Amino acid sequence: MKTIILRVEDCDEVVIDELKDAYRVNNQFDKVDCSDDVLEPDYELLKAIQTVLAYYMAHEDWSEWMEMNPMVKEND
């Protein structure tokens, strides 16, 4: 077994990257197989991810990322 040593900055970057990926995957409507039903994104989860990203990211970086990655909404 190998031991990996990470600096705190590296751990933060891993957390940020994983949360961004989770946000991207969950920020979309999903069509149910063999049906016309569409599932909405879990908005509470997306909001929670935004909150944690705001904690880990610099404010300017977070604001820019939020502008480029808004929560999807159903078109009325």
C-alpha atoms as a PDB file:
ATOM      1  CA  MET A   1       0.000   0.000   0.000  1.00  0.00           C
ATOM      2  CA  LYS A   2       1.285   3.441  -0.921  1.00  0.00           C
ATOM      3  CA  THR A   3       0.830   6.539   1.197  1.00  0.00           C
ATOM      4  CA  ILE A   4      -0.148   9.758  -0.530  1.00  0.00           C
ATOM      5  CA  ILE A   5       0.557  13.040   1.178  1.00  0.00           C
ATOM      6  CA  LEU A   6      -1.600  15.981   0.158  1.00  0.00           C
ATOM      7  CA  ARG A   7      -1.259  19.587   1.180  1.00  0.00           C
ATOM      8  CA  VAL A   8      -4.367  21.355   2.474  1.00  0.00           C
ATOM      9  CA  GLU A   9      -4.527  23.382  -0.745  1.00  0.00           C
ATOM     10  CA  ASP A  10      -4.590  20.150  -2.756  1.00  0.00           C
ATOM     11  CA  CYS A  11      -7.441  18.776  -0.646  1.00  0.00           C
ATOM     12  CA  ASP A  12      -9.445  21.962  -1.183  1.00  0.00           C
ATOM     13  CA  GLU A  13      -8.938  21.693  -4.934  1.00  0.00           C
ATOM     14  CA  VAL A  14     -10.103  18.058  -4.923  1.00  0.00           C
ATOM     15  CA  VAL A  15     -13.240  19.053  -2.992  1.00  0.00           C
ATOM     16  CA  ILE A  16     -13.942  21.943  -5.379  1.00  0.00           C
ATOM     17  CA  ASP A  17     -13.473  19.805  -8.495  1.00  0.00           C
ATOM     18  CA  GLU A  18     -15.675  16.998  -7.185  1.00  0.00           C
ATOM     19  CA  LEU A  19     -18.438  19.398  -6.146  1.00  0.00           C
ATOM     20  CA  LYS A  20     -18.369  21.151  -9.525  1.00  0.00           C
ATOM     21  CA  ASP A  21     -18.694  17.769 -11.220  1.00  0.00           C
ATOM     22  CA  ALA A  22     -21.581  16.733  -8.935  1.00  0.00           C
ATOM     23  CA  TYR A  23     -23.315  20.051  -9.651  1.00  0.00           C
ATOM     24  CA  ARG A  24     -22.931  19.599 -13.413  1.00  0.00           C
ATOM     25  CA  VAL A  25     -24.274  16.032 -13.320  1.00  0.00           C
ATOM     26  CA  ASN A  26     -27.275  16.952 -11.151  1.00  0.00           C
ATOM     27  CA  ASN A  27     -28.106  20.292 -12.802  1.00  0.00           C
ATOM     28  CA  GLN A  28     -30.227  18.875 -15.601  1.00  0.00           C
ATOM     29  CA  PHE A  29     -33.631  17.409 -16.273  1.00  0.00           C
ATOM     30  CA  ASP A  30     -33.672  13.613 -16.628  1.00  0.00           C
ATOM     31  CA  LYS A  31     -36.111  11.766 -18.837  1.00  0.00           C
ATOM     32  CA  VAL A  32     -37.484   8.588 -17.306  1.00  0.00           C
ATOM     33  CA  ASP A  33     -36.808   5.514 -19.471  1.00  0.00           C
ATOM     34  CA  CYS A  34     -39.693   4.455 -21.732  1.00  0.00           C
ATOM     35  CA  SER A  35     -41.836   7.347 -20.528  1.00  0.00           C
ATOM     36  CA  ASP A  36     -42.614  10.967 -21.255  1.00  0.00           C
ATOM     37  CA  ASP A  37     -42.007  11.829 -17.585  1.00  0.00           C
ATOM     38  CA  VAL A  38     -39.171  14.192 -16.784  1.00  0.00           C
ATOM     39  CA  LEU A  39     -37.526  14.451 -13.378  1.00  0.00           C
ATOM     40  CA  GLU A  40     -36.474  17.873 -12.162  1.00  0.00           C
ATOM     41  CA  PRO A  41     -33.044  18.419 -10.670  1.00  0.00           C
ATOM     42  CA  ASP A  42     -32.761  18.200  -6.889  1.00  0.00           C
ATOM     43  CA  TYR A  43     -32.715  21.942  -6.222  1.00  0.00           C
ATOM     44  CA  GLU A  44     -31.947  21.505  -2.517  1.00  0.00           C
ATOM     45  CA  LEU A  45     -28.865  19.447  -3.400  1.00  0.00           C
ATOM     46  CA  LEU A  46     -27.750  22.033  -5.956  1.00  0.00           C
ATOM     47  CA  LYS A  47     -28.185  24.837  -3.408  1.00  0.00           C
ATOM     48  CA  ALA A  48     -26.171  22.852  -0.850  1.00  0.00           C
ATOM     49  CA  ILE A  49     -23.378  22.337  -3.381  1.00  0.00           C
ATOM     50  CA  GLN A  50     -23.391  26.078  -4.146  1.00  0.00           C
ATOM     51  CA  THR A  51     -23.090  26.839  -0.427  1.00  0.00           C
ATOM     52  CA  VAL A  52     -20.101  24.539   0.059  1.00  0.00           C
ATOM     53  CA  LEU A  53     -18.420  25.873  -3.097  1.00  0.00           C
ATOM     54  CA  ALA A  54     -18.884  29.413  -1.780  1.00  0.00           C
ATOM     55  CA  TYR A  55     -16.999  28.359   1.347  1.00  0.00           C
ATOM     56  CA  TYR A  56     -14.073  26.721  -0.489  1.00  0.00           C
ATOM     57  CA  MET A  57     -13.691  29.087  -3.465  1.00  0.00           C
ATOM     58  CA  ALA A  58     -12.497  32.665  -3.608  1.00  0.00           C
ATOM     59  CA  HIS A  59     -15.552  34.942  -3.853  1.00  0.00           C
ATOM     60  CA  GLU A  60     -14.644  36.265  -7.309  1.00  0.00           C
ATOM     61  CA  ASP A  61     -14.073  32.740  -8.647  1.00  0.00           C
ATOM     62  CA  TRP A  62     -17.329  31.520  -7.120  1.00  0.00           C
ATOM     63  CA  SER A  63     -19.318  34.451  -8.547  1.00  0.00           C
ATOM     64  CA  GLU A  64     -17.865  33.878 -12.014  1.00  0.00           C
ATOM     65  CA  TRP A  65     -18.541  30.137 -11.813  1.00  0.00           C
ATOM     66  CA  MET A  66     -22.144  30.773 -10.695  1.00  0.00           C
ATOM     67  CA  GLU A  67     -22.741  33.100 -13.656  1.00  0.00           C
ATOM     68  CA  MET A  68     -21.506  30.432 -16.038  1.00  0.00           C
ATOM     69  CA  ASN A  69     -23.417  27.594 -14.293  1.00  0.00           C
ATOM     70  CA  PRO A  70     -26.895  28.783 -13.285  1.00  0.00           C
ATOM     71  CA  MET A  71     -29.475  26.318 -11.977  1.00  0.00           C
ATOM     72  CA  VAL A  72     -31.662  24.993 -14.757  1.00  0.00           C
ATOM     73  CA  LYS A  73     -35.331  25.904 -14.512  1.00  0.00           C
ATOM     74  CA  GLU A  74     -38.314  24.444 -16.298  1.00  0.00           C
ATOM     75  CA  ASN A  75     -39.456  26.592 -19.196  1.00  0.00           C
ATOM     76  CA  ASP A  76     -43.010  27.742 -18.501  1.00  0.00           C
END
